[in-house]
Structures are given as C-alpha cells and as structure tokens.
Amino acid sequence: MTDLMRLFTRASKLLRGAADEAMAQHGVRVGQNLVLEVLWEVDGLTPGELASRLGVAVPTMVKSAARMEAAGLVTRRRDETDRRLVRIYLTEHARSVRDAIQDARADLAARATATLTDAELRHLASALEKIIAQLSPTGTTDPPAPR
C-alpha cells in the first residue's frame, strides 16, 4: 500500500499543479473551476446549494465564494424574495472564460491519460470510484444530490 500511496500522491500533486497552471491563465484557481461549472449550469445558487452539489462544507463554500468575488468571478447578492439568503452569480468575466476553461480541462485530461488504453481508463475510473466510495463519509462516489 505504501507504493500505491506514494504513486497516488505524486500523480495527484502533478495533476493539481498542471490544472492550477492551466486555470491560472484565465484568472481561475483549481477548485474554483468546479464551482464555475455548477454556476454555468444554474446561476444564482446559495452557498448551501453549491456546497451540496460539490460535496463540500458550507463554510468552505462561503470562503471560496469570497475569494472568487475578490477575483472578479462571482458576485454575492441578497435574494430578492428572502433577504436572509445570499445568492452567488457569475460575472461577465466568468461567463467569458467558460469555453477556455472547459477546453483546458479537456486538454489536460487528454494529456494525463494519453498513454492509457481504453481498458486502462475504465479500470482507473472504476478503481478511483471505489476508493472515493470507501473513504467518503456517505459511502458514495458522488456528492450529495441537490435539494
């Protein structure tokens, strides 16, 4: 298991570094691209709704939203019908980098897996899903379903 952990850690660090470099070209940090993906599908979610969809804690999402607002990617506004709620909306900049971010992620995935066969890709995905399910508090590979 020690060799597996070493390999997994090394691969994870390299992939994260390459992803951070690719995202930074568009003013986005690694992890923020995942928030953007959700908002590109449904803009104006609350931090709680985003946290649920991404499988992270609400305070983590609040901190991320604050950093993303400072970077000019989102704005936070009170809900018009329920002033207790804050909703997170994409800025024009965040909308404008959608295609570039998606292309960068696809290019990185292709580069990282270029030497793998289709069978190896399937096995890798299956193994990672099993590891995630085994270590996840919910025992699933997916974040909790949106409410």
C-alpha atoms as a PDB file:
ATOM      1  CA  MET A   1       0.000   0.000   0.000  1.00  0.00           C
ATOM      2  CA  THR A   2       2.920   2.340   0.637  1.00  0.00           C
ATOM      3  CA  ASP A   3       3.881   2.275  -3.046  1.00  0.00           C
ATOM      4  CA  LEU A   4       0.273   2.903  -4.053  1.00  0.00           C
ATOM      5  CA  MET A   5       0.019   5.880  -1.699  1.00  0.00           C
ATOM      6  CA  ARG A   6       3.297   7.294  -2.981  1.00  0.00           C
ATOM      7  CA  LEU A   7       2.182   6.928  -6.607  1.00  0.00           C
ATOM      8  CA  PHE A   8      -1.277   8.303  -5.928  1.00  0.00           C
ATOM      9  CA  THR A   9       0.114  11.295  -4.029  1.00  0.00           C
ATOM     10  CA  ARG A  10       2.674  12.038  -6.754  1.00  0.00           C
ATOM     11  CA  ALA A  11       0.082  11.759  -9.538  1.00  0.00           C
ATOM     12  CA  SER A  12      -2.372  13.911  -7.597  1.00  0.00           C
ATOM     13  CA  LYS A  13       0.181  16.652  -6.958  1.00  0.00           C
ATOM     14  CA  LEU A  14       1.319  16.688 -10.599  1.00  0.00           C
ATOM     15  CA  LEU A  15      -2.243  16.779 -11.911  1.00  0.00           C
ATOM     16  CA  ARG A  16      -3.264  19.504  -9.469  1.00  0.00           C
ATOM     17  CA  GLY A  17      -0.196  21.596 -10.365  1.00  0.00           C
ATOM     18  CA  ALA A  18      -0.853  21.249 -14.088  1.00  0.00           C
ATOM     19  CA  ALA A  19      -4.544  22.077 -13.582  1.00  0.00           C
ATOM     20  CA  ASP A  20      -3.681  25.120 -11.460  1.00  0.00           C
ATOM     21  CA  GLU A  21      -1.316  26.355 -14.167  1.00  0.00           C
ATOM     22  CA  ALA A  22      -3.943  25.834 -16.885  1.00  0.00           C
ATOM     23  CA  MET A  23      -6.695  27.552 -14.881  1.00  0.00           C
ATOM     24  CA  ALA A  24      -4.468  30.465 -13.797  1.00  0.00           C
ATOM     25  CA  GLN A  25      -4.156  31.574 -17.411  1.00  0.00           C
ATOM     26  CA  HIS A  26      -7.842  32.506 -17.168  1.00  0.00           C
ATOM     27  CA  GLY A  27      -7.798  34.007 -13.677  1.00  0.00           C
ATOM     28  CA  VAL A  28      -9.244  30.885 -12.081  1.00  0.00           C
ATOM     29  CA  ARG A  29      -7.755  28.708  -9.333  1.00  0.00           C
ATOM     30  CA  VAL A  30      -8.062  24.946  -9.130  1.00  0.00           C
ATOM     31  CA  GLY A  31     -11.309  24.123  -7.376  1.00  0.00           C
ATOM     32  CA  GLN A  32     -12.902  27.361  -8.496  1.00  0.00           C
ATOM     33  CA  ASN A  33     -13.421  25.797 -11.903  1.00  0.00           C
ATOM     34  CA  LEU A  34     -15.688  23.227 -10.229  1.00  0.00           C
ATOM     35  CA  VAL A  35     -17.789  25.997  -8.678  1.00  0.00           C
ATOM     36  CA  LEU A  36     -17.949  27.729 -12.047  1.00  0.00           C
ATOM     37  CA  GLU A  37     -19.131  24.526 -13.729  1.00  0.00           C
ATOM     38  CA  VAL A  38     -22.083  24.321 -11.367  1.00  0.00           C
ATOM     39  CA  LEU A  39     -22.928  28.011 -11.811  1.00  0.00           C
ATOM     40  CA  TRP A  40     -22.610  27.746 -15.604  1.00  0.00           C
ATOM     41  CA  GLU A  41     -25.459  25.239 -15.385  1.00  0.00           C
ATOM     42  CA  VAL A  42     -27.537  27.009 -12.699  1.00  0.00           C
ATOM     43  CA  ASP A  43     -26.539  30.580 -11.876  1.00  0.00           C
ATOM     44  CA  GLY A  44     -27.655  32.232  -8.651  1.00  0.00           C
ATOM     45  CA  LEU A  45     -27.354  29.370  -6.181  1.00  0.00           C
ATOM     46  CA  THR A  46     -26.875  29.876  -2.458  1.00  0.00           C
ATOM     47  CA  PRO A  47     -23.618  28.798  -0.793  1.00  0.00           C
ATOM     48  CA  GLY A  48     -25.514  25.890   0.757  1.00  0.00           C
ATOM     49  CA  GLU A  49     -26.835  24.737  -2.589  1.00  0.00           C
ATOM     50  CA  LEU A  50     -23.369  24.965  -4.127  1.00  0.00           C
ATOM     51  CA  ALA A  51     -21.802  23.126  -1.183  1.00  0.00           C
ATOM     52  CA  SER A  52     -24.350  20.344  -1.506  1.00  0.00           C
ATOM     53  CA  ARG A  53     -23.773  19.934  -5.237  1.00  0.00           C
ATOM     54  CA  LEU A  54     -19.997  19.880  -4.795  1.00  0.00           C
ATOM     55  CA  GLY A  55     -19.928  17.710  -1.684  1.00  0.00           C
ATOM     56  CA  VAL A  56     -18.129  20.293   0.471  1.00  0.00           C
ATOM     57  CA  ALA A  57     -18.964  22.033   3.743  1.00  0.00           C
ATOM     58  CA  VAL A  58     -20.909  25.297   3.613  1.00  0.00           C
ATOM     59  CA  PRO A  59     -18.148  27.312   5.369  1.00  0.00           C
ATOM     60  CA  THR A  60     -15.704  26.053   2.723  1.00  0.00           C
ATOM     61  CA  MET A  61     -18.050  27.268   0.006  1.00  0.00           C
ATOM     62  CA  VAL A  62     -18.520  30.649   1.699  1.00  0.00           C
ATOM     63  CA  LYS A  63     -14.737  31.156   1.841  1.00  0.00           C
ATOM     64  CA  SER A  64     -14.350  30.068  -1.767  1.00  0.00           C
ATOM     65  CA  ALA A  65     -17.116  32.436  -2.885  1.00  0.00           C
ATOM     66  CA  ALA A  66     -15.402  35.316  -1.083  1.00  0.00           C
ATOM     67  CA  ARG A  67     -12.109  34.561  -2.856  1.00  0.00           C
ATOM     68  CA  MET A  68     -13.907  34.205  -6.188  1.00  0.00           C
ATOM     69  CA  GLU A  69     -15.684  37.521  -5.642  1.00  0.00           C
ATOM     70  CA  ALA A  70     -12.341  39.208  -4.919  1.00  0.00           C
ATOM     71  CA  ALA A  71     -11.004  37.686  -8.159  1.00  0.00           C
ATOM     72  CA  GLY A  72     -13.933  39.116 -10.139  1.00  0.00           C
ATOM     73  CA  LEU A  73     -15.503  35.728 -10.952  1.00  0.00           C
ATOM     74  CA  VAL A  74     -18.739  35.989  -8.969  1.00  0.00           C
ATOM     75  CA  THR A  75     -20.890  38.484  -7.146  1.00  0.00           C
ATOM     76  CA  ARG A  76     -22.879  37.796  -3.980  1.00  0.00           C
ATOM     77  CA  ARG A  77     -26.302  39.384  -3.651  1.00  0.00           C
ATOM     78  CA  ARG A  78     -29.209  39.054  -1.259  1.00  0.00           C
ATOM     79  CA  ASP A  79     -32.147  37.045  -2.523  1.00  0.00           C
ATOM     80  CA  GLU A  80     -34.911  39.404  -3.629  1.00  0.00           C
ATOM     81  CA  THR A  81     -37.704  37.390  -2.014  1.00  0.00           C
ATOM     82  CA  ASP A  82     -35.892  36.099   1.085  1.00  0.00           C
ATOM     83  CA  ARG A  83     -33.371  38.662   2.316  1.00  0.00           C
ATOM     84  CA  ARG A  84     -31.843  36.091   4.684  1.00  0.00           C
ATOM     85  CA  LEU A  85     -30.365  34.234   1.709  1.00  0.00           C
ATOM     86  CA  VAL A  86     -27.303  35.205  -0.289  1.00  0.00           C
ATOM     87  CA  ARG A  87     -27.073  34.048  -3.884  1.00  0.00           C
ATOM     88  CA  ILE A  88     -23.913  33.709  -5.947  1.00  0.00           C
ATOM     89  CA  TYR A  89     -23.940  34.920  -9.534  1.00  0.00           C
ATOM     90  CA  LEU A  90     -21.382  34.683 -12.306  1.00  0.00           C
ATOM     91  CA  THR A  91     -19.698  37.834 -13.542  1.00  0.00           C
ATOM     92  CA  GLU A  92     -19.273  38.553 -17.222  1.00  0.00           C
ATOM     93  CA  HIS A  93     -15.620  37.522 -16.886  1.00  0.00           C
ATOM     94  CA  ALA A  94     -16.620  34.101 -15.504  1.00  0.00           C
ATOM     95  CA  ARG A  95     -19.059  33.625 -18.374  1.00  0.00           C
ATOM     96  CA  SER A  96     -16.431  34.689 -20.918  1.00  0.00           C
ATOM     97  CA  VAL A  97     -13.859  32.071 -19.818  1.00  0.00           C
ATOM     98  CA  ARG A  98     -16.259  29.099 -19.897  1.00  0.00           C
ATOM     99  CA  ASP A  99     -15.098  27.636 -23.198  1.00  0.00           C
ATOM    100  CA  ALA A 100     -11.426  28.256 -22.441  1.00  0.00           C
ATOM    101  CA  ILE A 101     -11.693  26.570 -19.028  1.00  0.00           C
ATOM    102  CA  GLN A 102     -13.548  23.586 -20.429  1.00  0.00           C
ATOM    103  CA  ASP A 103     -11.011  23.258 -23.259  1.00  0.00           C
ATOM    104  CA  ALA A 104      -8.097  23.494 -20.808  1.00  0.00           C
ATOM    105  CA  ARG A 105      -9.581  20.750 -18.631  1.00  0.00           C
ATOM    106  CA  ALA A 106     -10.212  18.506 -21.638  1.00  0.00           C
ATOM    107  CA  ASP A 107      -6.662  19.091 -22.909  1.00  0.00           C
ATOM    108  CA  LEU A 108      -5.211  18.290 -19.501  1.00  0.00           C
ATOM    109  CA  ALA A 109      -7.269  15.114 -19.182  1.00  0.00           C
ATOM    110  CA  ALA A 110      -6.167  14.027 -22.660  1.00  0.00           C
ATOM    111  CA  ARG A 111      -2.529  14.773 -21.834  1.00  0.00           C
ATOM    112  CA  ALA A 112      -2.650  12.965 -18.492  1.00  0.00           C
ATOM    113  CA  THR A 113      -4.243   9.848 -19.956  1.00  0.00           C
ATOM    114  CA  ALA A 114      -2.636   9.837 -23.420  1.00  0.00           C
ATOM    115  CA  THR A 115      -0.702   6.611 -22.842  1.00  0.00           C
ATOM    116  CA  LEU A 116      -3.601   4.689 -21.293  1.00  0.00           C
ATOM    117  CA  THR A 117      -5.687   2.232 -23.274  1.00  0.00           C
ATOM    118  CA  ASP A 118      -9.480   2.367 -23.159  1.00  0.00           C
ATOM    119  CA  ALA A 119      -9.467  -0.642 -20.818  1.00  0.00           C
ATOM    120  CA  GLU A 120      -6.922   1.051 -18.528  1.00  0.00           C
ATOM    121  CA  LEU A 121      -9.048   4.206 -18.433  1.00  0.00           C
ATOM    122  CA  ARG A 122     -12.116   2.187 -17.448  1.00  0.00           C
ATOM    123  CA  HIS A 123     -10.158   0.344 -14.752  1.00  0.00           C
ATOM    124  CA  LEU A 124      -8.655   3.582 -13.431  1.00  0.00           C
ATOM    125  CA  ALA A 125     -12.083   5.243 -13.242  1.00  0.00           C
ATOM    126  CA  SER A 126     -13.548   2.185 -11.532  1.00  0.00           C
ATOM    127  CA  ALA A 127     -10.696   1.970  -9.010  1.00  0.00           C
ATOM    128  CA  LEU A 128     -10.906   5.681  -8.176  1.00  0.00           C
ATOM    129  CA  GLU A 129     -14.683   5.469  -7.724  1.00  0.00           C
ATOM    130  CA  LYS A 130     -14.214   2.562  -5.323  1.00  0.00           C
ATOM    131  CA  ILE A 131     -11.551   4.443  -3.337  1.00  0.00           C
ATOM    132  CA  ILE A 132     -13.774   7.522  -3.124  1.00  0.00           C
ATOM    133  CA  ALA A 133     -16.772   5.458  -2.016  1.00  0.00           C
ATOM    134  CA  GLN A 134     -14.668   3.650   0.583  1.00  0.00           C
ATOM    135  CA  LEU A 135     -13.305   6.873   2.085  1.00  0.00           C
ATOM    136  CA  SER A 136     -16.370   9.090   1.629  1.00  0.00           C
ATOM    137  CA  PRO A 137     -18.485   9.767   4.725  1.00  0.00           C
ATOM    138  CA  THR A 138     -21.587   8.996   2.642  1.00  0.00           C
ATOM    139  CA  GLY A 139     -20.098   5.865   1.062  1.00  0.00           C
ATOM    140  CA  THR A 140     -20.812   7.128  -2.447  1.00  0.00           C
ATOM    141  CA  THR A 141     -18.689   8.427  -5.312  1.00  0.00           C
ATOM    142  CA  ASP A 142     -20.977  11.370  -5.995  1.00  0.00           C
ATOM    143  CA  PRO A 143     -21.515  14.458  -3.886  1.00  0.00           C
ATOM    144  CA  PRO A 144     -24.950  14.599  -2.256  1.00  0.00           C
ATOM    145  CA  ALA A 145     -27.813  15.215  -4.666  1.00  0.00           C
ATOM    146  CA  PRO A 146     -29.051  18.821  -4.975  1.00  0.00           C
ATOM    147  CA  ARG A 147     -32.048  19.666  -2.838  1.00  0.00           C
END
